[in-house]
């Protein structure tokens, strides 16, 4: 049986080694893609800041903020809340997907406890399979845009929620995604997406009252420019969130695959020690068998060394056999 144990351990070691090769490759791919994802996140921030500044300037210039995307409702008047949930198309990223899904589900249950209806707009196969398996109603779903989202992807997803919001079918839109803070820190965020915060657009909290401010002349009227710019602002906010989610996914996958590779290496070392013990036990057993056989061959003296017990009889000995000399 020790030989059988050794073969089984060899098969397990080979299986774990194959798994380690896969996890190591995925770790290297995530490590190579993460810097580019970080650059895309950093590159999108100036655009978002500038478009926010332009909208603020339009508001200061007298633009009418009575736009459907800015229509605020009282808390008691909110009847239906839409959730844009951004997850990954693939797993093997640690708790990245589960953390987002738990936060979104918790928020939906809280709204349901208040008597509100919900609408789900899902990005990523993991979110789709999660809510479909649990019987949630899904209004829109998108795949193939989690790892490398484009601005056109953000525009498509934004249209799925902004149009129903403008038509009055949805009273509030929340965005659930993973905020990228650094390569080692990511945080799940549940934020209001629509309506846009008019106070944040109209007031410059970081501004300085001292000094001269540039004067702008708008053509056409500020209100008309604002109406055209607000949808772009919504798309830019969603695009920035999708970029952060993409970078967070890669960072989470890198950590998860590194941990899996390290655990696989430790398991291989443990299995190798077990296999060495099994091999030593097999060798010891074989040596004991050889020694036991040799001792059995050296054990007796006299005629029994030459004749089996059932053959040592007087019938097989010559008549003049000298018993004394034997």
Protein backbone atom coordinates (compact mmCIF):
# COMPACT_ATOMS: atom_id res chain seq x y z
CA UNK A 1 0.00 0.00 0.00
CA UNK A 2 2.87 2.48 0.51
CA UNK A 3 3.58 2.25 -3.22
CA UNK A 4 -0.02 3.19 -3.95
CA UNK A 5 0.23 6.20 -1.61
CA UNK A 6 3.35 7.35 -3.45
CA UNK A 7 1.62 7.23 -6.82
CA UNK A 8 -1.35 9.18 -5.47
CA UNK A 9 0.95 11.85 -4.03
CA UNK A 10 2.76 12.15 -7.35
CA UNK A 11 -0.54 12.76 -9.11
CA UNK A 12 -1.53 15.43 -6.56
CA UNK A 13 1.85 17.17 -6.88
CA UNK A 14 1.53 17.25 -10.66
CA UNK A 15 -1.99 18.66 -10.40
CA UNK A 16 -0.93 21.41 -7.97
CA UNK A 17 2.06 22.28 -10.15
CA UNK A 18 -0.24 22.74 -13.16
CA UNK A 19 -2.52 24.96 -11.08
CA UNK A 20 0.46 27.01 -9.92
CA UNK A 21 1.53 27.58 -13.52
CA UNK A 22 -1.92 28.98 -14.34
CA UNK A 23 -2.10 31.24 -11.29
CA UNK A 24 1.45 32.48 -11.85
CA UNK A 25 0.65 33.33 -15.46
CA UNK A 26 -2.52 35.21 -14.44
CA UNK A 27 -0.56 37.10 -11.80
CA UNK A 28 2.02 38.19 -14.36
CA UNK A 29 -0.67 39.28 -16.84
CA UNK A 30 -2.46 41.33 -14.18
CA UNK A 31 0.84 42.88 -13.07
CA UNK A 32 1.64 43.89 -16.64
CA UNK A 33 -1.79 45.44 -17.28
CA UNK A 34 -2.15 47.25 -13.96
CA UNK A 35 0.23 50.18 -14.70
CA UNK A 36 -1.63 50.95 -17.95
CA UNK A 37 -4.96 50.83 -16.12
CA UNK A 38 -3.60 53.25 -13.52
CA UNK A 39 -2.47 55.60 -16.27
CA UNK A 40 -5.93 55.54 -17.82
CA UNK A 41 -7.50 56.41 -14.48
CA UNK A 42 -5.10 59.31 -14.03
CA UNK A 43 -5.61 60.50 -17.61
CA UNK A 44 -9.41 60.60 -17.26
CA UNK A 45 -9.41 62.79 -14.16
CA UNK A 46 -8.35 66.07 -15.83
CA UNK A 47 -11.19 65.74 -18.36
CA UNK A 48 -13.73 65.16 -15.59
CA UNK A 49 -12.37 68.12 -13.63
CA UNK A 50 -12.44 70.42 -16.65
CA UNK A 51 -15.96 69.53 -17.69
CA UNK A 52 -17.08 70.12 -14.11
CA UNK A 53 -15.39 73.53 -14.18
CA UNK A 54 -17.11 74.43 -17.45
CA UNK A 55 -20.53 73.49 -16.06
CA UNK A 56 -19.82 75.54 -12.95
CA UNK A 57 -18.90 78.50 -15.12
CA UNK A 58 -22.14 78.10 -17.05
CA UNK A 59 -24.10 78.10 -13.81
CA UNK A 60 -22.33 81.26 -12.66
CA UNK A 61 -23.10 82.85 -16.03
CA UNK A 62 -26.80 82.44 -15.41
CA UNK A 63 -27.53 79.11 -17.08
CA UNK A 64 -30.88 77.64 -16.13
CA UNK A 65 -30.31 74.60 -13.92
CA UNK A 66 -33.84 73.36 -14.49
CA UNK A 67 -32.78 70.29 -16.48
CA UNK A 68 -34.18 66.74 -16.18
CA UNK A 69 -30.74 65.42 -15.19
CA UNK A 70 -30.68 67.93 -12.33
CA UNK A 71 -34.25 67.42 -11.11
CA UNK A 72 -34.06 66.66 -7.42
CA UNK A 73 -36.89 64.90 -5.58
CA UNK A 74 -37.70 64.70 -1.92
CA UNK A 75 -36.72 61.53 -0.13
CA UNK A 76 -40.37 60.61 0.43
CA UNK A 77 -41.22 61.06 -3.27
CA UNK A 78 -38.66 58.55 -4.53
CA UNK A 79 -40.57 55.48 -5.73
CA UNK A 80 -38.05 53.67 -7.95
CA UNK A 81 -34.27 53.48 -7.69
CA UNK A 82 -31.99 52.24 -10.44
CA UNK A 83 -28.64 50.62 -9.67
CA UNK A 84 -25.71 50.56 -12.06
CA UNK A 85 -23.59 47.68 -10.72
CA UNK A 86 -20.09 47.32 -12.20
CA UNK A 87 -18.36 43.96 -11.74
CA UNK A 88 -15.96 41.81 -13.78
CA UNK A 89 -16.59 39.33 -16.56
CA UNK A 90 -14.26 36.81 -14.91
CA UNK A 91 -13.57 35.55 -11.43
CA UNK A 92 -10.29 34.64 -9.75
CA UNK A 93 -10.04 38.16 -8.33
CA UNK A 94 -10.42 37.48 -4.63
CA UNK A 95 -13.35 39.29 -3.05
CA UNK A 96 -13.59 41.96 -5.76
CA UNK A 97 -16.92 40.83 -7.25
CA UNK A 98 -18.48 39.62 -4.00
CA UNK A 99 -17.84 42.91 -2.22
CA UNK A 100 -19.60 44.91 -4.95
CA UNK A 101 -22.53 42.50 -5.13
CA UNK A 102 -23.01 42.48 -1.37
CA UNK A 103 -23.02 46.28 -1.21
CA UNK A 104 -25.52 46.56 -4.07
CA UNK A 105 -27.81 43.86 -2.66
CA UNK A 106 -27.76 45.50 0.77
CA UNK A 107 -28.75 48.86 -0.74
CA UNK A 108 -31.56 47.26 -2.76
CA UNK A 109 -32.94 45.53 0.33
CA UNK A 110 -32.88 48.80 2.25
CA UNK A 111 -34.88 50.51 -0.51
CA UNK A 112 -37.33 47.63 -0.65
CA UNK A 113 -37.83 47.97 3.11
CA UNK A 114 -38.88 51.58 2.43
CA UNK A 115 -41.41 50.42 -0.16
CA UNK A 116 -39.37 51.42 -3.20
CA UNK A 117 -39.06 49.52 -6.44
CA UNK A 118 -35.69 48.83 -8.06
CA UNK A 119 -34.15 48.66 -11.51
CA UNK A 120 -30.91 46.87 -12.31
CA UNK A 121 -28.41 47.88 -14.98
CA UNK A 122 -25.56 45.41 -14.74
CA UNK A 123 -22.04 45.55 -16.16
CA UNK A 124 -20.09 42.28 -16.06
CA UNK A 125 -20.97 38.60 -16.28
CA UNK A 126 -20.54 38.07 -12.54
CA UNK A 127 -23.28 40.56 -11.66
CA UNK A 128 -25.56 39.15 -14.35
CA UNK A 129 -25.20 35.53 -13.20
CA UNK A 130 -25.54 36.55 -9.53
CA UNK A 131 -28.84 38.41 -9.86
CA UNK A 132 -30.26 36.10 -12.50
CA UNK A 133 -29.69 33.08 -10.26
CA UNK A 134 -31.47 34.84 -7.37
CA UNK A 135 -34.47 35.80 -9.46
CA UNK A 136 -33.94 39.57 -9.61
CA UNK A 137 -35.45 41.48 -12.53
CA UNK A 138 -32.71 42.81 -14.81
CA UNK A 139 -33.55 45.77 -17.05
CA UNK A 140 -30.24 46.00 -18.93
CA UNK A 141 -26.98 44.06 -18.94
CA UNK A 142 -23.61 44.56 -20.62
CA UNK A 143 -20.55 42.33 -20.98
CA UNK A 144 -17.13 42.55 -22.57
CA UNK A 145 -16.27 45.98 -21.18
CA UNK A 146 -14.95 45.32 -17.69
CA UNK A 147 -11.21 44.90 -18.33
CA UNK A 148 -10.64 47.67 -20.89
CA UNK A 149 -13.67 49.97 -20.98
CA UNK A 150 -13.95 52.61 -23.67
CA UNK A 151 -15.80 55.89 -23.73
CA UNK A 152 -18.33 54.38 -26.13
CA UNK A 153 -19.01 51.65 -23.56
CA UNK A 154 -19.68 54.31 -20.93
CA UNK A 155 -21.98 56.15 -23.33
CA UNK A 156 -23.99 52.97 -23.97
CA UNK A 157 -24.42 52.23 -20.26
CA UNK A 158 -25.21 55.86 -19.45
CA UNK A 159 -27.99 55.91 -22.05
CA UNK A 160 -29.59 52.87 -20.40
CA UNK A 161 -30.22 54.86 -17.20
CA UNK A 162 -30.30 58.53 -18.27
CA UNK A 163 -33.14 58.09 -20.76
CA UNK A 164 -35.53 56.38 -18.28
CA UNK A 165 -34.53 58.97 -15.68
CA UNK A 166 -35.34 61.89 -17.98
CA UNK A 167 -38.67 60.29 -18.89
CA UNK A 168 -39.59 59.98 -15.22
CA UNK A 169 -39.60 56.18 -15.03
CA UNK A 170 -36.76 56.29 -12.51
CA UNK A 171 -36.50 58.73 -9.62
CA UNK A 172 -32.95 58.03 -8.48
CA UNK A 173 -29.87 56.31 -9.91
CA UNK A 174 -27.08 54.91 -7.75
CA UNK A 175 -23.69 53.75 -8.97
CA UNK A 176 -22.04 50.74 -7.29
CA UNK A 177 -18.41 50.12 -8.21
CA UNK A 178 -14.94 49.69 -6.71
CA UNK A 179 -13.05 52.92 -6.21
CA UNK A 180 -9.34 52.69 -7.02
CA UNK A 181 -7.26 54.46 -4.40
CA UNK A 182 -3.91 52.75 -4.97
CA UNK A 183 -2.49 49.43 -6.12
CA UNK A 184 -2.91 48.08 -2.60
CA UNK A 185 -6.16 49.80 -1.60
CA UNK A 186 -9.56 49.64 -3.28
CA UNK A 187 -12.92 50.50 -1.77
CA UNK A 188 -16.49 49.69 -2.77
CA UNK A 189 -18.50 52.88 -3.35
CA UNK A 190 -22.29 53.32 -3.52
CA UNK A 191 -22.87 56.82 -4.85
CA UNK A 192 -25.74 58.83 -6.23
CA UNK A 193 -25.34 59.06 -9.98
CA UNK A 194 -28.53 60.82 -11.05
CA UNK A 195 -29.79 63.43 -10.50
CA UNK A 196 -26.56 65.39 -10.56
CA UNK A 197 -25.68 67.41 -7.52
CA UNK A 198 -26.52 71.02 -8.40
CA UNK A 199 -24.74 72.40 -5.35
CA UNK A 200 -21.48 70.72 -6.33
CA UNK A 201 -21.82 72.10 -9.84
CA UNK A 202 -22.73 75.62 -8.79
CA UNK A 203 -20.33 76.09 -5.85
CA UNK A 204 -16.57 75.92 -6.04
CA UNK A 205 -15.58 74.66 -2.60
CA UNK A 206 -11.89 74.62 -3.48
CA UNK A 207 -11.93 78.05 -5.08
CA UNK A 208 -10.15 81.10 -3.76
CA UNK A 209 -12.05 84.35 -3.43
CA UNK A 210 -8.87 86.36 -3.88
CA UNK A 211 -7.50 87.24 -7.29
CA UNK A 212 -9.11 87.78 -10.64
CA UNK A 213 -11.41 85.23 -12.19
CA UNK A 214 -11.51 84.78 -15.97
CA UNK A 215 -14.54 86.20 -17.76
CA UNK A 216 -16.22 83.97 -20.33
CA UNK A 217 -18.48 84.86 -23.19
CA UNK A 218 -20.74 82.01 -24.24
CA UNK A 219 -22.17 81.46 -27.67
CA UNK A 220 -24.86 80.14 -27.87
CA UNK A 221 -26.59 80.93 -24.59
CA UNK A 222 -25.27 79.28 -21.40
CA UNK A 223 -28.53 77.37 -20.92
CA UNK A 224 -28.29 75.78 -24.35
CA UNK A 225 -24.65 74.83 -23.83
CA UNK A 226 -25.52 73.33 -20.46
CA UNK A 227 -28.24 71.18 -21.99
CA UNK A 228 -25.73 69.77 -24.46
CA UNK A 229 -22.96 69.38 -21.92
CA UNK A 230 -24.81 67.63 -19.09
CA UNK A 231 -25.17 64.30 -20.96
CA UNK A 232 -21.43 64.39 -21.69
CA UNK A 233 -20.82 65.05 -18.01
CA UNK A 234 -22.89 61.99 -17.07
CA UNK A 235 -20.92 59.86 -19.53
CA UNK A 236 -17.61 61.19 -18.22
CA UNK A 237 -18.53 60.33 -14.62
CA UNK A 238 -19.54 56.82 -15.59
CA UNK A 239 -16.43 56.35 -17.73
CA UNK A 240 -14.21 57.38 -14.80
CA UNK A 241 -16.01 54.88 -12.56
CA UNK A 242 -15.56 52.09 -15.11
CA UNK A 243 -11.84 52.87 -15.40
CA UNK A 244 -11.44 52.75 -11.63
CA UNK A 245 -13.32 49.46 -11.50
CA UNK A 246 -11.06 48.03 -14.20
CA UNK A 247 -7.89 49.02 -12.34
CA UNK A 248 -9.35 47.67 -9.10
CA UNK A 249 -10.14 44.35 -10.76
CA UNK A 250 -6.57 43.96 -12.01
CA UNK A 251 -5.12 44.88 -8.62
CA UNK A 252 -7.41 42.41 -6.85
CA UNK A 253 -6.58 39.65 -9.35
CA UNK A 254 -2.86 40.27 -8.95
CA UNK A 255 -3.08 39.89 -5.18
CA UNK A 256 -5.37 36.86 -5.36
CA UNK A 257 -3.20 35.03 -7.90
CA UNK A 258 -0.02 35.79 -5.95
CA UNK A 259 -1.61 34.36 -2.81
CA UNK A 260 -2.77 31.31 -4.77
CA UNK A 261 0.70 30.76 -6.23
CA UNK A 262 2.32 31.05 -2.80
CA UNK A 263 -0.18 28.61 -1.30
CA UNK A 264 0.38 26.19 -4.17
CA UNK A 265 4.13 26.32 -3.54
CA UNK A 266 3.64 25.57 0.14
CA UNK A 267 1.29 22.70 -0.69
CA UNK A 268 3.82 21.25 -3.14
CA UNK A 269 6.52 21.32 -0.45
CA UNK A 270 4.20 19.55 1.99
CA UNK A 271 3.25 16.91 -0.57
CA UNK A 272 6.92 16.36 -1.46
CA UNK A 273 7.71 15.71 2.19
CA UNK A 274 4.81 13.26 2.42
CA UNK A 275 5.98 11.52 -0.74
CA UNK A 276 9.53 11.24 0.62
CA UNK A 277 8.15 9.65 3.78
CA UNK A 278 6.08 7.24 1.69
CA UNK A 279 9.13 6.38 -0.42
CA UNK A 280 11.24 5.80 2.68
CA UNK A 281 8.52 3.57 4.11
CA UNK A 282 8.43 1.58 0.87
CA UNK A 283 12.22 1.18 0.81
CA UNK A 284 12.27 0.17 4.48
CA UNK A 285 9.57 -2.44 3.88
CA UNK A 286 11.47 -3.90 0.91
CA UNK A 287 14.70 -4.02 2.93
CA UNK A 288 12.91 -5.79 5.77
CA UNK A 289 11.51 -8.32 3.34
CA UNK A 290 14.97 -9.01 1.87
CA UNK A 291 16.53 -9.30 5.32
CA UNK A 292 13.73 -11.58 6.46
CA UNK A 293 14.19 -13.82 3.43
CA UNK A 294 17.94 -14.01 3.96
CA UNK A 295 17.48 -14.89 7.61
CA UNK A 296 15.04 -17.62 6.64
CA UNK A 297 17.57 -19.08 4.20
CA UNK A 298 20.35 -19.03 6.83
CA UNK A 299 18.17 -20.29 9.68
CA UNK A 300 18.52 -24.23 9.49
CA UNK A 301 21.43 -26.76 9.40
CA UNK A 302 21.77 -30.49 8.40
CA UNK A 303 19.64 -32.49 6.09
CA UNK A 304 16.79 -30.05 6.12
CA UNK A 305 19.09 -27.65 4.29
CA UNK A 306 19.11 -30.12 1.40
CA UNK A 307 15.82 -31.98 1.57
CA UNK A 308 12.32 -30.68 2.10
CA UNK A 309 10.46 -32.00 5.11
CA UNK A 310 8.14 -34.10 3.04
CA UNK A 311 11.07 -35.71 1.19
CA UNK A 312 13.37 -36.60 4.11
CA UNK A 313 12.28 -40.22 4.62
CA UNK A 314 14.09 -43.53 4.69
CA UNK A 315 12.50 -44.52 1.42
CA UNK A 316 14.67 -41.98 -0.44
CA UNK A 317 17.98 -42.85 1.31
CA UNK A 318 20.35 -45.66 0.15
CA UNK A 319 20.54 -48.77 2.26
CA UNK A 320 24.20 -48.18 3.22
CA UNK A 321 23.58 -44.52 4.26
CA UNK A 322 25.68 -43.72 7.32
CA UNK A 323 23.39 -41.83 9.70
CA UNK A 324 26.19 -41.21 12.17
CA UNK A 325 28.34 -39.44 9.62
CA UNK A 326 25.46 -37.31 8.44
